[in-house]
Amino acid sequence: MKAAPQKKLKGEDWLAECFEYERTHEIAFASPRALLEARMIAEMDKARRSKRRTRPSAAASRRKTVAA
């Protein structure tokens, strides 16, 4: 069985489909400079984050004292 040929779009339908594709595939239309800037920002955010895990209560841990 042959697949049905796609109907060619004309005028506004074609333009609307182009805009829809561009909206859903943003990365394909981004400039190389924009992609580089996005990578640099992501790396800066990673470097800025603290390496240590903070406690949920944000309080220092306390050692248990042994009764003498």
PDB file of N, CA and C in Angstrom:
ATOM      1  N   MET A   1       0.828  -1.189   0.000  1.00  0.00           N
ATOM      2  CA  MET A   1       0.000   0.000   0.000  1.00  0.00           C
ATOM      3  C   MET A   1       0.872   1.252   0.000  1.00  0.00           C
ATOM      4  N   LYS A   2       0.537   2.189  -0.832  1.00  0.00           N
ATOM      5  CA  LYS A   2       1.302   3.425  -0.885  1.00  0.00           C
ATOM      6  C   LYS A   2       0.808   4.392   0.176  1.00  0.00           C
ATOM      7  N   ALA A   3       1.754   5.148   0.723  1.00  0.00           N
ATOM      8  CA  ALA A   3       1.378   6.169   1.701  1.00  0.00           C
ATOM      9  C   ALA A   3       0.760   7.345   0.958  1.00  0.00           C
ATOM     10  N   ALA A   4      -0.214   7.961   1.594  1.00  0.00           N
ATOM     11  CA  ALA A   4      -0.874   9.113   0.967  1.00  0.00           C
ATOM     12  C   ALA A   4       0.113  10.270   0.899  1.00  0.00           C
ATOM     13  N   PRO A   5       0.220  10.917  -0.254  1.00  0.00           N
ATOM     14  CA  PRO A   5       1.146  12.051  -0.357  1.00  0.00           C
ATOM     15  C   PRO A   5       0.677  13.217   0.521  1.00  0.00           C
ATOM     16  N   GLN A   6       1.658  13.924   1.072  1.00  0.00           N
ATOM     17  CA  GLN A   6       1.303  15.053   1.925  1.00  0.00           C
ATOM     18  C   GLN A   6       0.792  16.200   1.069  1.00  0.00           C
ATOM     19  N   LYS A   7      -0.219  16.851   1.576  1.00  0.00           N
ATOM     20  CA  LYS A   7      -0.790  17.990   0.868  1.00  0.00           C
ATOM     21  C   LYS A   7       0.115  19.196   1.064  1.00  0.00           C
ATOM     22  N   LYS A   8       0.416  19.906  -0.011  1.00  0.00           N
ATOM     23  CA  LYS A   8       1.261  21.082   0.108  1.00  0.00           C
ATOM     24  C   LYS A   8       0.480  22.211   0.760  1.00  0.00           C
ATOM     25  N   LEU A   9       1.148  22.867   1.704  1.00  0.00           N
ATOM     26  CA  LEU A   9       0.520  23.985   2.388  1.00  0.00           C
ATOM     27  C   LEU A   9       0.764  25.267   1.595  1.00  0.00           C
ATOM     28  N   LYS A  10      -0.180  26.175   1.690  1.00  0.00           N
ATOM     29  CA  LYS A  10      -0.048  27.436   0.972  1.00  0.00           C
ATOM     30  C   LYS A  10      -0.264  28.600   1.915  1.00  0.00           C
ATOM     31  N   GLY A  11       0.414  29.680   1.641  1.00  0.00           N
ATOM     32  CA  GLY A  11       0.181  30.949   2.320  1.00  0.00           C
ATOM     33  C   GLY A  11       0.307  30.900   3.821  1.00  0.00           C
ATOM     34  N   GLU A  12      -0.763  31.295   4.485  1.00  0.00           N
ATOM     35  CA  GLU A  12      -0.766  31.420   5.949  1.00  0.00           C
ATOM     36  C   GLU A  12      -0.593  30.080   6.645  1.00  0.00           C
ATOM     37  N   ASP A  13      -1.121  29.009   6.073  1.00  0.00           N
ATOM     38  CA  ASP A  13      -0.971  27.684   6.681  1.00  0.00           C
ATOM     39  C   ASP A  13       0.501  27.285   6.734  1.00  0.00           C
ATOM     40  N   TRP A  14       1.220  27.550   5.634  1.00  0.00           N
ATOM     41  CA  TRP A  14       2.642  27.220   5.572  1.00  0.00           C
ATOM     42  C   TRP A  14       3.419  28.029   6.605  1.00  0.00           C
ATOM     43  N   LEU A  15       3.120  29.328   6.686  1.00  0.00           N
ATOM     44  CA  LEU A  15       3.817  30.195   7.626  1.00  0.00           C
ATOM     45  C   LEU A  15       3.507  29.783   9.065  1.00  0.00           C
ATOM     46  N   ALA A  16       2.251  29.458   9.353  1.00  0.00           N
ATOM     47  CA  ALA A  16       1.863  29.027  10.702  1.00  0.00           C
ATOM     48  C   ALA A  16       2.592  27.739  11.080  1.00  0.00           C
ATOM     49  N   GLU A  17       2.725  26.820  10.134  1.00  0.00           N
ATOM     50  CA  GLU A  17       3.431  25.568  10.422  1.00  0.00           C
ATOM     51  C   GLU A  17       4.917  25.832  10.680  1.00  0.00           C
ATOM     52  N   CYS A  18       5.508  26.763   9.929  1.00  0.00           N
ATOM     53  CA  CYS A  18       6.914  27.121  10.160  1.00  0.00           C
ATOM     54  C   CYS A  18       7.100  27.702  11.556  1.00  0.00           C
ATOM     55  N   PHE A  19       6.223  28.603  11.954  1.00  0.00           N
ATOM     56  CA  PHE A  19       6.316  29.214  13.281  1.00  0.00           C
ATOM     57  C   PHE A  19       6.118  28.184  14.380  1.00  0.00           C
ATOM     58  N   GLU A  20       5.190  27.271  14.170  1.00  0.00           N
ATOM     59  CA  GLU A  20       4.935  26.221  15.159  1.00  0.00           C
ATOM     60  C   GLU A  20       6.168  25.319  15.311  1.00  0.00           C
ATOM     61  N   TYR A  21       6.797  24.961  14.194  1.00  0.00           N
ATOM     62  CA  TYR A  21       7.998  24.122  14.251  1.00  0.00           C
ATOM     63  C   TYR A  21       9.118  24.855  14.976  1.00  0.00           C
ATOM     64  N   GLU A  22       9.289  26.139  14.673  1.00  0.00           N
ATOM     65  CA  GLU A  22      10.338  26.918  15.324  1.00  0.00           C
ATOM     66  C   GLU A  22      10.080  27.040  16.821  1.00  0.00           C
ATOM     67  N   ARG A  23       8.813  27.186  17.204  1.00  0.00           N
ATOM     68  CA  ARG A  23       8.467  27.297  18.614  1.00  0.00           C
ATOM     69  C   ARG A  23       8.751  26.006  19.357  1.00  0.00           C
ATOM     70  N   THR A  24       8.499  24.860  18.749  1.00  0.00           N
ATOM     71  CA  THR A  24       8.677  23.572  19.419  1.00  0.00           C
ATOM     72  C   THR A  24      10.102  23.033  19.309  1.00  0.00           C
ATOM     73  N   HIS A  25      10.921  23.584  18.418  1.00  0.00           N
ATOM     74  CA  HIS A  25      12.303  23.132  18.229  1.00  0.00           C
ATOM     75  C   HIS A  25      13.251  24.324  18.370  1.00  0.00           C
ATOM     76  N   GLU A  26      13.213  24.975  19.527  1.00  0.00           N
ATOM     77  CA  GLU A  26      13.979  26.198  19.739  1.00  0.00           C
ATOM     78  C   GLU A  26      15.476  26.002  19.562  1.00  0.00           C
ATOM     79  N   ILE A  27      15.986  24.877  19.997  1.00  0.00           N
ATOM     80  CA  ILE A  27      17.424  24.655  19.969  1.00  0.00           C
ATOM     81  C   ILE A  27      17.954  24.623  18.541  1.00  0.00           C
ATOM     82  N   ALA A  28      17.149  24.188  17.591  1.00  0.00           N
ATOM     83  CA  ALA A  28      17.594  24.102  16.201  1.00  0.00           C
ATOM     84  C   ALA A  28      17.790  25.489  15.588  1.00  0.00           C
ATOM     85  N   PHE A  29      17.134  26.496  16.142  1.00  0.00           N
ATOM     86  CA  PHE A  29      17.194  27.828  15.565  1.00  0.00           C
ATOM     87  C   PHE A  29      18.046  28.793  16.388  1.00  0.00           C
ATOM     88  N   ALA A  30      18.656  28.309  17.445  1.00  0.00           N
ATOM     89  CA  ALA A  30      19.483  29.168  18.287  1.00  0.00           C
ATOM     90  C   ALA A  30      20.836  29.394  17.605  1.00  0.00           C
ATOM     91  N   SER A  31      21.366  30.587  17.783  1.00  0.00           N
ATOM     92  CA  SER A  31      22.672  30.892  17.193  1.00  0.00           C
ATOM     93  C   SER A  31      23.757  30.190  17.998  1.00  0.00           C
ATOM     94  N   PRO A  32      24.890  29.907  17.375  1.00  0.00           N
ATOM     95  CA  PRO A  32      25.992  29.269  18.114  1.00  0.00           C
ATOM     96  C   PRO A  32      26.423  30.107  19.316  1.00  0.00           C
ATOM     97  N   ARG A  33      26.392  31.420  19.185  1.00  0.00           N
ATOM     98  CA  ARG A  33      26.784  32.278  20.312  1.00  0.00           C
ATOM     99  C   ARG A  33      25.800  32.137  21.471  1.00  0.00           C
ATOM    100  N   ALA A  34      24.510  32.063  21.163  1.00  0.00           N
ATOM    101  CA  ALA A  34      23.504  31.892  22.223  1.00  0.00           C
ATOM    102  C   ALA A  34      23.690  30.554  22.934  1.00  0.00           C
ATOM    103  N   LEU A  35      24.014  29.512  22.185  1.00  0.00           N
ATOM    104  CA  LEU A  35      24.246  28.200  22.793  1.00  0.00           C
ATOM    105  C   LEU A  35      25.477  28.233  23.692  1.00  0.00           C
ATOM    106  N   LEU A  36      26.535  28.913  23.236  1.00  0.00           N
ATOM    107  CA  LEU A  36      27.749  29.038  24.037  1.00  0.00           C
ATOM    108  C   LEU A  36      27.459  29.795  25.331  1.00  0.00           C
ATOM    109  N   GLU A  37      26.701  30.887  25.233  1.00  0.00           N
ATOM    110  CA  GLU A  37      26.361  31.661  26.430  1.00  0.00           C
ATOM    111  C   GLU A  37      25.548  30.826  27.405  1.00  0.00           C
ATOM    112  N   ALA A  38      24.622  30.028  26.900  1.00  0.00           N
ATOM    113  CA  ALA A  38      23.801  29.182  27.766  1.00  0.00           C
ATOM    114  C   ALA A  38      24.667  28.152  28.490  1.00  0.00           C
ATOM    115  N   ARG A  39      25.646  27.567  27.772  1.00  0.00           N
ATOM    116  CA  ARG A  39      26.554  26.602  28.407  1.00  0.00           C
ATOM    117  C   ARG A  39      27.403  27.270  29.477  1.00  0.00           C
ATOM    118  N   MET A  40      27.884  28.479  29.187  1.00  0.00           N
ATOM    119  CA  MET A  40      28.720  29.192  30.154  1.00  0.00           C
ATOM    120  C   MET A  40      27.924  29.537  31.407  1.00  0.00           C
ATOM    121  N   ILE A  41      26.696  29.967  31.238  1.00  0.00           N
ATOM    122  CA  ILE A  41      25.846  30.293  32.391  1.00  0.00           C
ATOM    123  C   ILE A  41      25.609  29.048  33.228  1.00  0.00           C
ATOM    124  N   ALA A  42      25.344  27.916  32.584  1.00  0.00           N
ATOM    125  CA  ALA A  42      25.118  26.666  33.314  1.00  0.00           C
ATOM    126  C   ALA A  42      26.366  26.265  34.102  1.00  0.00           C
ATOM    127  N   GLU A  43      27.539  26.418  33.503  1.00  0.00           N
ATOM    128  CA  GLU A  43      28.781  26.083  34.214  1.00  0.00           C
ATOM    129  C   GLU A  43      29.010  27.022  35.389  1.00  0.00           C
ATOM    130  N   MET A  44      28.713  28.307  35.223  1.00  0.00           N
ATOM    131  CA  MET A  44      28.877  29.261  36.319  1.00  0.00           C
ATOM    132  C   MET A  44      27.931  28.933  37.469  1.00  0.00           C
ATOM    133  N   ASP A  45      26.714  28.515  37.151  1.00  0.00           N
ATOM    134  CA  ASP A  45      25.762  28.130  38.196  1.00  0.00           C
ATOM    135  C   ASP A  45      26.254  26.909  38.952  1.00  0.00           C
ATOM    136  N   LYS A  46      26.848  25.953  38.225  1.00  0.00           N
ATOM    137  CA  LYS A  46      27.380  24.758  38.881  1.00  0.00           C
ATOM    138  C   LYS A  46      28.517  25.117  39.817  1.00  0.00           C
ATOM    139  N   ALA A  47      29.396  26.006  39.386  1.00  0.00           N
ATOM    140  CA  ALA A  47      30.546  26.398  40.196  1.00  0.00           C
ATOM    141  C   ALA A  47      30.114  27.199  41.415  1.00  0.00           C
ATOM    142  N   ARG A  48      29.050  27.944  41.295  1.00  0.00           N
ATOM    143  CA  ARG A  48      28.585  28.795  42.391  1.00  0.00           C
ATOM    144  C   ARG A  48      27.915  27.984  43.487  1.00  0.00           C
ATOM    145  N   ARG A  49      27.329  26.842  43.135  1.00  0.00           N
ATOM    146  CA  ARG A  49      26.641  26.018  44.134  1.00  0.00           C
ATOM    147  C   ARG A  49      27.620  25.464  45.149  1.00  0.00           C
ATOM    148  N   SER A  50      27.164  25.374  46.368  1.00  0.00           N
ATOM    149  CA  SER A  50      28.000  24.847  47.439  1.00  0.00           C
ATOM    150  C   SER A  50      28.204  23.352  47.242  1.00  0.00           C
ATOM    151  N   LYS A  51      29.407  22.909  47.529  1.00  0.00           N
ATOM    152  CA  LYS A  51      29.706  21.482  47.394  1.00  0.00           C
ATOM    153  C   LYS A  51      29.161  20.685  48.570  1.00  0.00           C
ATOM    154  N   ARG A  52      29.075  21.329  49.734  1.00  0.00           N
ATOM    155  CA  ARG A  52      28.571  20.639  50.922  1.00  0.00           C
ATOM    156  C   ARG A  52      27.062  20.637  50.926  1.00  0.00           C
ATOM    157  N   ARG A  53      26.514  19.606  51.491  1.00  0.00           N
ATOM    158  CA  ARG A  53      25.065  19.562  51.637  1.00  0.00           C
ATOM    159  C   ARG A  53      24.680  20.256  52.925  1.00  0.00           C
ATOM    160  N   THR A  54      23.732  21.123  52.850  1.00  0.00           N
ATOM    161  CA  THR A  54      23.279  21.787  54.068  1.00  0.00           C
ATOM    162  C   THR A  54      22.212  20.934  54.733  1.00  0.00           C
ATOM    163  N   ARG A  55      22.160  21.048  56.034  1.00  0.00           N
ATOM    164  CA  ARG A  55      21.145  20.288  56.763  1.00  0.00           C
ATOM    165  C   ARG A  55      19.782  20.932  56.551  1.00  0.00           C
ATOM    166  N   PRO A  56      18.730  20.123  56.575  1.00  0.00           N
ATOM    167  CA  PRO A  56      17.398  20.671  56.361  1.00  0.00           C
ATOM    168  C   PRO A  56      17.031  21.765  57.365  1.00  0.00           C
ATOM    169  N   SER A  57      17.493  21.625  58.606  1.00  0.00           N
ATOM    170  CA  SER A  57      17.152  22.613  59.620  1.00  0.00           C
ATOM    171  C   SER A  57      18.146  23.772  59.628  1.00  0.00           C
ATOM    172  N   ALA A  58      19.194  23.652  58.816  1.00  0.00           N
ATOM    173  CA  ALA A  58      20.263  24.651  58.731  1.00  0.00           C
ATOM    174  C   ALA A  58      20.976  24.843  60.072  1.00  0.00           C
ATOM    175  N   ALA A  59      20.917  23.847  60.913  1.00  0.00           N
ATOM    176  CA  ALA A  59      21.593  23.922  62.211  1.00  0.00           C
ATOM    177  C   ALA A  59      22.805  22.992  62.182  1.00  0.00           C
ATOM    178  N   ALA A  60      23.799  23.331  62.933  1.00  0.00           N
ATOM    179  CA  ALA A  60      24.996  22.496  63.010  1.00  0.00           C
ATOM    180  C   ALA A  60      24.655  21.194  63.740  1.00  0.00           C
ATOM    181  N   SER A  61      25.354  20.135  63.374  1.00  0.00           N
ATOM    182  CA  SER A  61      25.079  18.869  64.050  1.00  0.00           C
ATOM    183  C   SER A  61      25.666  18.925  65.468  1.00  0.00           C
ATOM    184  N   ARG A  62      25.011  18.271  66.370  1.00  0.00           N
ATOM    185  CA  ARG A  62      25.475  18.252  67.752  1.00  0.00           C
ATOM    186  C   ARG A  62      25.916  16.855  68.106  1.00  0.00           C
ATOM    187  N   ARG A  63      27.007  16.765  68.838  1.00  0.00           N
ATOM    188  CA  ARG A  63      27.476  15.457  69.270  1.00  0.00           C
ATOM    189  C   ARG A  63      26.775  15.063  70.543  1.00  0.00           C
ATOM    190  N   LYS A  64      26.487  13.781  70.631  1.00  0.00           N
ATOM    191  CA  LYS A  64      25.855  13.287  71.850  1.00  0.00           C
ATOM    192  C   LYS A  64      26.901  13.231  72.958  1.00  0.00           C
ATOM    193  N   THR A  65      26.539  13.684  74.119  1.00  0.00           N
ATOM    194  CA  THR A  65      27.470  13.623  75.245  1.00  0.00           C
ATOM    195  C   THR A  65      27.246  12.318  76.008  1.00  0.00           C
ATOM    196  N   VAL A  66      28.335  11.766  76.459  1.00  0.00           N
ATOM    197  CA  VAL A  66      28.258  10.504  77.190  1.00  0.00           C
ATOM    198  C   VAL A  66      28.174  10.840  78.673  1.00  0.00           C
ATOM    199  N   ALA A  67      27.174  10.248  79.362  1.00  0.00           N
ATOM    200  CA  ALA A  67      27.028  10.502  80.807  1.00  0.00           C
ATOM    201  C   ALA A  67      28.147   9.787  81.552  1.00  0.00           C
ATOM    202  N   ALA A  68      28.793  10.515  82.455  1.00  0.00           N
ATOM    203  CA  ALA A  68      29.911   9.926  83.174  1.00  0.00           C
ATOM    204  C   ALA A  68      29.495   9.348  84.508  1.00  0.00           C
TER     205      ALA A  68
END
